[in-house]
């Protein structure tokens, strides 16, 4: 229960710990003035929002003297605050940014092997004006990832168009192995993830609960009434067996004018045609075959390289490792990996299907806390660090690099 301390005072109640656009700019300025962190990242402007505010982009990797050294590094893309009211996403992203630009050996290994692109606030307009889910044009940006090719997309949803452009450029320049969008959640407890089931999974279950999806249920669908009627009306009638008649040999005699001995032979096999001969006086001559074989058709063009199949259930490794790293915060059994039709316009499903990124996730943090306690700002920052400490070095390096098993 809240008790007023001052008379005639204005009190604001927040859904979660506030994290404004001004707070983000203060944190970025602090990182750029830090002599240890500043050389490890580059700050740029990805695009402008509907109101003209900056959409910040951070590129984090180990500095190189030759640009060609960056080509072999894999790509990782992270984003947050597509929904302005989910401030807990920004606190998790803040913890991850401080870890990525920190001095730990694990963070240094990540910077050496990867190029990490971070968009800490996709929807700055909604954050500034106090919206909960939409931008200034009234769109829920996390449902518009399939609408970027519309003529009005550049003016209505420039934030999503900028994110799609970032992914297109990243995929064209290097292999992107990981994508994660940070969110808040107001129905479930704890912190969990939504992923995308890999091709070949026979069911889309929760992370260990064994629940089957509706679309992948093992029971066969019963035939409809029209199909049953059709089965009665179109059933083929049984045919009576036909008796085979015996094939008697046929004797074919050639004209008597032919004096060759071979012309008086009889052909007793009707299936074999007689040889073609030309009779001149008493000799038989066989005409030679002067026809040339037709030219061979040209070989078919080579097919484009197909993406490597993703191992079955590999999308569940990342959340499972995260649950081992932060067992009091993250819950693997609350994760889901199915892709319903109503969520096709979200970032995780669109990125997974459009850019063939198998490990595409949404990291969800509850407003309600976990297991009887509320999350503090430090808990949320620790969750962001856990994404880097355990999963970046244990899972992503195993996917995107070689010789990294010792980091687990």
Protein backbone atom coordinates (compact mmCIF):
# COMPACT_ATOMS: atom_id res chain seq x y z
CA UNK A 1 0.00 0.00 0.00
CA UNK A 2 1.27 3.45 -0.93
CA UNK A 3 1.27 6.26 1.62
CA UNK A 4 1.67 9.89 0.54
CA UNK A 5 4.64 11.66 2.09
CA UNK A 6 4.21 15.19 0.77
CA UNK A 7 1.03 17.23 0.50
CA UNK A 8 -0.22 18.32 -2.95
CA UNK A 9 2.42 16.19 -4.67
CA UNK A 10 2.17 14.39 -8.04
CA UNK A 11 2.99 10.68 -7.89
CA UNK A 12 3.59 8.44 -10.91
CA UNK A 13 3.10 4.67 -10.76
CA UNK A 14 5.16 2.67 -13.24
CA UNK A 15 4.44 -0.82 -14.58
CA UNK A 16 8.16 -1.56 -14.25
CA UNK A 17 11.36 0.37 -13.58
CA UNK A 18 11.36 3.27 -16.06
CA UNK A 19 13.93 3.36 -18.83
CA UNK A 20 13.40 6.37 -21.09
CA UNK A 21 14.95 7.53 -24.33
CA UNK A 22 16.98 10.04 -22.31
CA UNK A 23 18.29 7.22 -20.12
CA UNK A 24 19.46 5.35 -23.22
CA UNK A 25 21.29 8.39 -24.56
CA UNK A 26 22.94 8.89 -21.17
CA UNK A 27 24.12 5.27 -21.11
CA UNK A 28 25.47 5.51 -24.66
CA UNK A 29 27.31 8.72 -23.88
CA UNK A 30 28.82 7.10 -20.79
CA UNK A 31 30.04 4.14 -22.86
CA UNK A 32 31.54 6.41 -25.52
CA UNK A 33 33.49 8.41 -22.93
CA UNK A 34 34.81 5.30 -21.20
CA UNK A 35 38.41 4.80 -22.44
CA UNK A 36 38.13 1.01 -22.01
CA UNK A 37 34.78 0.52 -23.71
CA UNK A 38 34.88 3.14 -26.46
CA UNK A 39 37.39 1.28 -28.73
CA UNK A 40 35.27 -1.88 -28.64
CA UNK A 41 32.12 -0.59 -30.37
CA UNK A 42 30.93 1.88 -32.97
CA UNK A 43 27.82 4.00 -32.51
CA UNK A 44 25.82 5.01 -35.59
CA UNK A 45 22.28 5.97 -36.57
CA UNK A 46 20.38 3.15 -38.22
CA UNK A 47 17.42 5.29 -39.36
CA UNK A 48 14.97 7.99 -38.32
CA UNK A 49 11.64 7.26 -36.70
CA UNK A 50 8.29 8.72 -37.78
CA UNK A 51 8.89 11.79 -35.60
CA UNK A 52 12.51 12.10 -36.71
CA UNK A 53 14.15 10.62 -33.61
CA UNK A 54 17.34 8.59 -33.94
CA UNK A 55 17.22 4.80 -33.98
CA UNK A 56 20.61 3.94 -32.51
CA UNK A 57 22.80 1.09 -33.76
CA UNK A 58 25.82 -0.33 -31.95
CA UNK A 59 28.36 -2.53 -33.73
CA UNK A 60 30.47 -4.50 -31.26
CA UNK A 61 33.51 -6.50 -32.41
CA UNK A 62 37.25 -6.65 -31.92
CA UNK A 63 39.01 -3.83 -33.80
CA UNK A 64 40.97 -4.88 -36.87
CA UNK A 65 43.52 -3.13 -39.06
CA UNK A 66 42.43 -4.90 -42.26
CA UNK A 67 38.71 -4.85 -43.20
CA UNK A 68 39.06 -8.29 -44.84
CA UNK A 69 39.52 -9.82 -41.40
CA UNK A 70 35.85 -9.11 -40.62
CA UNK A 71 34.55 -11.27 -43.47
CA UNK A 72 35.19 -14.56 -41.66
CA UNK A 73 33.34 -13.48 -38.51
CA UNK A 74 29.78 -14.62 -37.96
CA UNK A 75 26.91 -12.23 -37.30
CA UNK A 76 24.70 -11.75 -34.22
CA UNK A 77 21.77 -9.29 -34.18
CA UNK A 78 20.00 -8.14 -31.00
CA UNK A 79 17.12 -5.69 -30.50
CA UNK A 80 14.83 -4.37 -27.77
CA UNK A 81 11.94 -2.00 -26.99
CA UNK A 82 9.81 -2.60 -30.04
CA UNK A 83 7.01 -2.30 -27.47
CA UNK A 84 7.60 0.96 -25.57
CA UNK A 85 5.95 -0.11 -22.32
CA UNK A 86 8.20 -3.14 -21.81
CA UNK A 87 10.96 -1.35 -19.95
CA UNK A 88 12.33 -4.56 -18.43
CA UNK A 89 13.64 -5.39 -21.90
CA UNK A 90 15.87 -2.31 -21.79
CA UNK A 91 17.32 -3.28 -18.43
CA UNK A 92 18.23 -6.73 -19.76
CA UNK A 93 19.74 -5.14 -22.85
CA UNK A 94 21.72 -2.73 -20.66
CA UNK A 95 23.27 -5.64 -18.76
CA UNK A 96 24.18 -7.39 -22.01
CA UNK A 97 25.73 -4.25 -23.51
CA UNK A 98 27.90 -3.69 -20.47
CA UNK A 99 29.01 -7.33 -20.61
CA UNK A 100 29.78 -7.26 -24.36
CA UNK A 101 31.95 -4.16 -23.94
CA UNK A 102 33.53 -5.44 -20.72
CA UNK A 103 37.00 -6.83 -20.06
CA UNK A 104 36.11 -10.48 -19.35
CA UNK A 105 37.81 -13.26 -21.30
CA UNK A 106 34.47 -14.58 -22.55
CA UNK A 107 33.41 -11.17 -23.89
CA UNK A 108 36.77 -10.77 -25.60
CA UNK A 109 36.33 -14.16 -27.26
CA UNK A 110 32.89 -13.16 -28.52
CA UNK A 111 34.25 -9.91 -29.96
CA UNK A 112 37.06 -11.82 -31.67
CA UNK A 113 34.73 -14.28 -33.39
CA UNK A 114 31.57 -12.27 -34.03
CA UNK A 115 30.21 -8.98 -35.29
CA UNK A 116 27.36 -8.10 -32.93
CA UNK A 117 24.75 -5.58 -34.13
CA UNK A 118 22.57 -4.13 -31.36
CA UNK A 119 19.49 -1.91 -31.76
CA UNK A 120 18.67 -1.05 -28.12
CA UNK A 121 15.46 0.89 -28.84
CA UNK A 122 13.52 0.17 -32.04
CA UNK A 123 10.53 2.38 -31.19
CA UNK A 124 11.87 5.64 -29.69
CA UNK A 125 8.70 7.60 -30.57
CA UNK A 126 6.51 5.29 -28.52
CA UNK A 127 8.93 5.50 -25.60
CA UNK A 128 8.98 9.32 -25.69
CA UNK A 129 5.21 9.85 -25.88
CA UNK A 130 4.36 7.02 -23.48
CA UNK A 131 2.71 4.45 -25.75
CA UNK A 132 2.54 0.88 -24.58
CA UNK A 133 2.74 -1.14 -27.85
CA UNK A 134 2.42 1.12 -30.91
CA UNK A 135 4.46 3.74 -32.74
CA UNK A 136 3.15 7.19 -33.66
CA UNK A 137 1.17 5.88 -36.64
CA UNK A 138 -0.70 3.40 -34.43
CA UNK A 139 0.96 0.18 -35.59
CA UNK A 140 2.17 -2.64 -33.39
CA UNK A 141 5.62 -2.92 -34.94
CA UNK A 142 6.07 -6.53 -33.85
CA UNK A 143 3.21 -7.55 -36.14
CA UNK A 144 4.39 -5.68 -39.25
CA UNK A 145 7.46 -7.63 -40.34
CA UNK A 146 5.54 -9.06 -43.30
CA UNK A 147 4.38 -5.59 -44.44
CA UNK A 148 7.68 -3.91 -45.27
CA UNK A 149 7.16 -4.22 -49.05
CA UNK A 150 3.95 -2.19 -49.07
CA UNK A 151 4.18 1.26 -50.73
CA UNK A 152 3.28 3.06 -47.50
CA UNK A 153 5.68 1.08 -45.28
CA UNK A 154 8.44 3.68 -45.49
CA UNK A 155 6.23 6.31 -43.86
CA UNK A 156 4.05 4.14 -41.62
CA UNK A 157 6.60 1.69 -40.19
CA UNK A 158 10.10 3.04 -40.97
CA UNK A 159 11.44 1.39 -37.82
CA UNK A 160 10.68 -2.15 -39.07
CA UNK A 161 11.90 -1.30 -42.57
CA UNK A 162 15.21 -0.22 -41.06
CA UNK A 163 15.51 -3.50 -39.14
CA UNK A 164 14.79 -5.54 -42.27
CA UNK A 165 17.40 -3.56 -44.18
CA UNK A 166 19.94 -4.20 -41.43
CA UNK A 167 19.28 -7.94 -41.64
CA UNK A 168 19.50 -7.94 -45.43
CA UNK A 169 22.89 -6.22 -45.38
CA UNK A 170 24.17 -8.45 -42.60
CA UNK A 171 23.10 -11.67 -44.30
CA UNK A 172 24.64 -10.51 -47.58
CA UNK A 173 28.02 -9.80 -45.95
CA UNK A 174 28.34 -12.75 -43.53
CA UNK A 175 26.53 -15.70 -42.01
CA UNK A 176 24.12 -14.57 -39.28
CA UNK A 177 23.76 -17.36 -36.73
CA UNK A 178 21.69 -15.74 -33.97
CA UNK A 179 18.85 -13.24 -33.60
CA UNK A 180 17.09 -12.26 -30.37
CA UNK A 181 14.44 -9.63 -29.65
CA UNK A 182 14.04 -8.57 -25.99
CA UNK A 183 10.50 -8.17 -24.60
CA UNK A 184 8.42 -7.93 -21.45
CA UNK A 185 5.51 -10.19 -20.53
CA UNK A 186 2.51 -9.57 -18.25
CA UNK A 187 0.83 -13.00 -18.01
CA UNK A 188 3.48 -15.63 -17.23
CA UNK A 189 5.96 -15.58 -14.37
CA UNK A 190 9.71 -15.72 -14.72
CA UNK A 191 11.90 -15.22 -17.77
CA UNK A 192 11.56 -17.52 -20.78
CA UNK A 193 11.96 -17.62 -24.56
CA UNK A 194 9.90 -18.16 -27.67
CA UNK A 195 11.75 -19.88 -30.51
CA UNK A 196 11.10 -21.39 -33.93
CA UNK A 197 10.90 -25.14 -34.37
CA UNK A 198 13.37 -26.56 -36.87
CA UNK A 199 12.22 -28.34 -40.01
CA UNK A 200 11.50 -32.01 -39.40
CA UNK A 201 10.19 -31.72 -35.86
CA UNK A 202 7.18 -33.99 -35.55
CA UNK A 203 5.65 -31.78 -32.88
CA UNK A 204 6.04 -28.31 -31.41
CA UNK A 205 6.13 -28.84 -27.67
CA UNK A 206 6.81 -26.67 -24.71
CA UNK A 207 10.33 -26.82 -23.38
CA UNK A 208 10.02 -30.18 -21.67
CA UNK A 209 6.32 -30.28 -20.82
CA UNK A 210 5.51 -32.64 -23.69
CA UNK A 211 2.45 -30.75 -24.90
CA UNK A 212 1.53 -31.35 -28.51
CA UNK A 213 0.64 -28.65 -30.94
CA UNK A 214 -2.76 -28.69 -32.61
CA UNK A 215 -1.27 -28.71 -36.07
CA UNK A 216 1.19 -31.53 -35.36
CA UNK A 217 -1.05 -33.90 -33.42
CA UNK A 218 -0.36 -37.58 -34.02
CA UNK A 219 -4.04 -38.50 -34.67
CA UNK A 220 -5.02 -38.73 -38.36
CA UNK A 221 -7.73 -36.39 -39.53
CA UNK A 222 -11.00 -38.27 -40.25
CA UNK A 223 -12.35 -37.98 -43.81
CA UNK A 224 -15.13 -35.54 -44.46
CA UNK A 225 -18.69 -36.51 -45.36
CA UNK A 226 -18.20 -35.57 -49.01
CA UNK A 227 -15.07 -37.70 -49.14
CA UNK A 228 -16.99 -40.65 -47.71
CA UNK A 229 -19.78 -40.21 -50.30
CA UNK A 230 -17.19 -39.96 -53.01
CA UNK A 231 -15.61 -43.20 -51.87
CA UNK A 232 -18.94 -45.01 -52.46
CA UNK A 233 -19.81 -43.40 -55.79
CA UNK A 234 -16.41 -43.59 -57.41
CA UNK A 235 -15.35 -47.05 -56.29
CA UNK A 236 -14.09 -49.03 -59.31
CA UNK A 237 -16.12 -52.08 -60.34
CA UNK A 238 -14.27 -55.39 -60.32
CA UNK A 239 -13.38 -56.64 -63.79
CA UNK A 240 -13.89 -60.19 -64.92
CA UNK A 241 -10.66 -62.02 -65.68
CA UNK A 242 -10.12 -62.47 -69.42
CA UNK A 243 -9.01 -65.78 -70.87
CA UNK A 244 -5.81 -65.73 -72.82
CA UNK A 245 -6.04 -67.35 -76.24
CA UNK A 246 -3.23 -69.53 -77.37
CA UNK A 247 -1.04 -67.93 -80.00
CA UNK A 248 -0.67 -70.22 -83.01
CA UNK A 249 2.31 -69.76 -85.33
CA UNK A 250 1.58 -68.14 -88.67
CA UNK A 251 3.35 -69.15 -91.85
CA UNK A 252 4.22 -66.32 -94.22
CA UNK A 253 5.39 -67.21 -97.73
CA UNK A 254 7.24 -64.76 -99.90
CA UNK A 255 6.40 -64.35 -103.65
CA UNK A 256 7.58 -67.12 -105.98
CA UNK A 257 9.49 -64.67 -108.16
CA UNK A 258 12.23 -64.48 -105.57
CA UNK A 259 14.84 -67.15 -106.42
CA UNK A 260 17.00 -66.70 -103.30
CA UNK A 261 17.02 -69.61 -100.92
CA UNK A 262 16.49 -67.32 -97.98
CA UNK A 263 13.28 -66.00 -99.52
CA UNK A 264 11.60 -69.38 -99.16
CA UNK A 265 12.19 -69.54 -95.44
CA UNK A 266 9.19 -69.33 -93.20
CA UNK A 267 8.82 -66.89 -90.28
CA UNK A 268 7.33 -68.60 -87.33
CA UNK A 269 7.80 -65.76 -84.78
CA UNK A 270 5.23 -63.02 -85.48
CA UNK A 271 6.81 -60.65 -82.97
CA UNK A 272 10.09 -60.41 -84.91
CA UNK A 273 9.85 -58.31 -88.09
CA UNK A 274 11.59 -59.62 -91.20
CA UNK A 275 14.92 -58.10 -92.17
CA UNK A 276 14.81 -55.51 -94.92
CA UNK A 277 16.60 -56.78 -98.02
CA UNK A 278 16.95 -55.60 -101.61
CA UNK A 279 16.99 -58.30 -104.33
CA UNK A 280 19.11 -57.68 -107.43
CA UNK A 281 19.10 -60.69 -109.73
CA UNK A 282 20.13 -63.52 -107.36
CA UNK A 283 22.08 -61.58 -104.67
CA UNK A 284 20.76 -60.06 -101.44
CA UNK A 285 22.22 -56.72 -100.21
CA UNK A 286 21.51 -55.02 -96.84
CA UNK A 287 21.31 -51.22 -96.98
CA UNK A 288 23.74 -49.54 -94.51
CA UNK A 289 22.34 -47.12 -91.86
CA UNK A 290 23.57 -43.68 -92.85
CA UNK A 291 21.53 -41.71 -90.28
CA UNK A 292 23.51 -39.82 -87.59
CA UNK A 293 22.38 -39.87 -83.93
CA UNK A 294 20.75 -36.66 -82.68
CA UNK A 295 22.96 -34.34 -80.62
CA UNK A 296 22.80 -34.72 -76.85
CA UNK A 297 20.84 -32.05 -74.96
CA UNK A 298 22.92 -29.51 -73.01
CA UNK A 299 23.44 -30.33 -69.31
CA UNK A 300 21.04 -28.62 -66.89
CA UNK A 301 22.32 -25.50 -65.12
CA UNK A 302 23.75 -26.08 -61.64
CA UNK A 303 21.22 -25.65 -58.88
CA UNK A 304 21.86 -22.95 -56.25
CA UNK A 305 23.40 -24.17 -53.00
CA UNK A 306 20.78 -25.30 -50.54
CA UNK A 307 21.00 -24.33 -46.85
CA UNK A 308 22.24 -27.02 -44.53
CA UNK A 309 19.45 -28.77 -42.66
CA UNK A 310 19.16 -27.79 -39.04
CA UNK A 311 19.49 -30.67 -36.57
CA UNK A 312 16.24 -31.66 -34.97
CA UNK A 313 15.41 -29.74 -31.78
CA UNK A 314 18.62 -27.71 -32.01
CA UNK A 315 16.62 -24.53 -31.34
CA UNK A 316 16.10 -25.72 -27.76
CA UNK A 317 19.79 -25.80 -26.84
CA UNK A 318 20.04 -22.05 -26.32
CA UNK A 319 17.18 -21.78 -23.78
CA UNK A 320 18.35 -24.91 -22.00
CA UNK A 321 21.86 -23.52 -21.50
CA UNK A 322 20.37 -20.25 -20.34
CA UNK A 323 18.36 -22.10 -17.70
CA UNK A 324 21.58 -23.70 -16.44
CA UNK A 325 23.27 -20.32 -16.23
CA UNK A 326 20.49 -18.51 -14.33
CA UNK A 327 18.23 -21.17 -12.76
CA UNK A 328 16.49 -18.77 -10.36
CA UNK A 329 15.51 -16.36 -13.16
CA UNK A 330 15.06 -18.36 -16.36
CA UNK A 331 12.56 -21.24 -16.77
CA UNK A 332 13.11 -23.66 -19.63
CA UNK A 333 9.74 -25.42 -19.19
CA UNK A 334 7.91 -22.17 -19.93
CA UNK A 335 9.54 -21.82 -23.34
CA UNK A 336 7.62 -22.58 -26.53
CA UNK A 337 8.84 -23.16 -30.07
CA UNK A 338 5.73 -23.45 -32.23
CA UNK A 339 4.94 -20.86 -34.90
CA UNK A 340 1.18 -20.11 -35.03
CA UNK A 341 -0.28 -18.31 -38.00
CA UNK A 342 -1.29 -15.34 -35.84
CA UNK A 343 2.39 -14.63 -35.07
CA UNK A 344 3.78 -14.72 -38.61
CA UNK A 345 4.32 -10.96 -38.57
CA UNK A 346 6.54 -11.08 -35.48
CA UNK A 347 10.28 -10.60 -35.63
CA UNK A 348 11.34 -14.08 -34.56
CA UNK A 349 9.19 -15.96 -37.09
CA UNK A 350 9.78 -13.55 -39.97
CA UNK A 351 13.55 -13.55 -39.42
CA UNK A 352 13.58 -17.34 -39.16
CA UNK A 353 11.69 -17.87 -42.42
CA UNK A 354 12.85 -14.95 -44.51
CA UNK A 355 16.55 -15.07 -43.68
CA UNK A 356 16.86 -18.77 -42.84
CA UNK A 357 18.19 -18.07 -39.33
CA UNK A 358 17.43 -21.18 -37.31
CA UNK A 359 18.23 -19.65 -33.93
CA UNK A 360 15.75 -16.77 -33.87
CA UNK A 361 14.23 -15.99 -30.47
CA UNK A 362 12.20 -13.66 -28.32
CA UNK A 363 13.45 -13.23 -24.75
CA UNK A 364 10.48 -12.53 -22.48
CA UNK A 365 10.76 -11.10 -18.95
CA UNK A 366 7.67 -11.07 -16.74
CA UNK A 367 6.42 -7.96 -14.99
CA UNK A 368 5.31 -10.24 -12.15
CA UNK A 369 8.68 -11.56 -11.11
CA UNK A 370 9.40 -15.24 -10.48
CA UNK A 371 8.83 -17.77 -7.73
CA UNK A 372 7.44 -15.35 -5.18
CA UNK A 373 9.79 -12.40 -5.67
CA UNK A 374 9.88 -9.40 -7.97
CA UNK A 375 12.77 -8.71 -10.29
CA UNK A 376 15.06 -5.86 -9.37
CA UNK A 377 17.00 -3.84 -11.92
CA UNK A 378 20.06 -5.85 -11.00
CA UNK A 379 18.18 -9.11 -11.64
CA UNK A 380 17.27 -7.94 -15.13
CA UNK A 381 20.83 -6.83 -15.86
CA UNK A 382 22.09 -10.17 -14.58
CA UNK A 383 19.74 -11.90 -17.03
CA UNK A 384 21.31 -9.91 -19.85
CA UNK A 385 24.75 -10.89 -18.66
CA UNK A 386 23.63 -14.52 -18.55
CA UNK A 387 22.75 -14.38 -22.24
CA UNK A 388 26.34 -13.43 -22.91
CA UNK A 389 28.25 -15.38 -20.30
CA UNK A 390 26.74 -18.82 -20.82
CA UNK A 391 25.02 -18.88 -24.17
CA UNK A 392 27.18 -16.60 -26.27
CA UNK A 393 30.32 -18.50 -25.32
CA UNK A 394 28.82 -21.96 -25.00
CA UNK A 395 26.14 -22.18 -27.67
CA UNK A 396 26.68 -19.47 -30.27
CA UNK A 397 30.40 -20.09 -30.55
CA UNK A 398 29.71 -23.78 -31.10
CA UNK A 399 27.30 -22.89 -33.92
CA UNK A 400 29.32 -20.12 -35.54
CA UNK A 401 32.89 -21.16 -34.83
CA UNK A 402 35.08 -24.18 -34.27
CA UNK A 403 37.25 -25.31 -31.42
CA UNK A 404 35.12 -23.65 -28.74
CA UNK A 405 33.97 -26.61 -26.71
CA UNK A 406 36.45 -25.74 -23.98
CA UNK A 407 34.47 -22.57 -23.22
CA UNK A 408 31.43 -24.52 -22.03
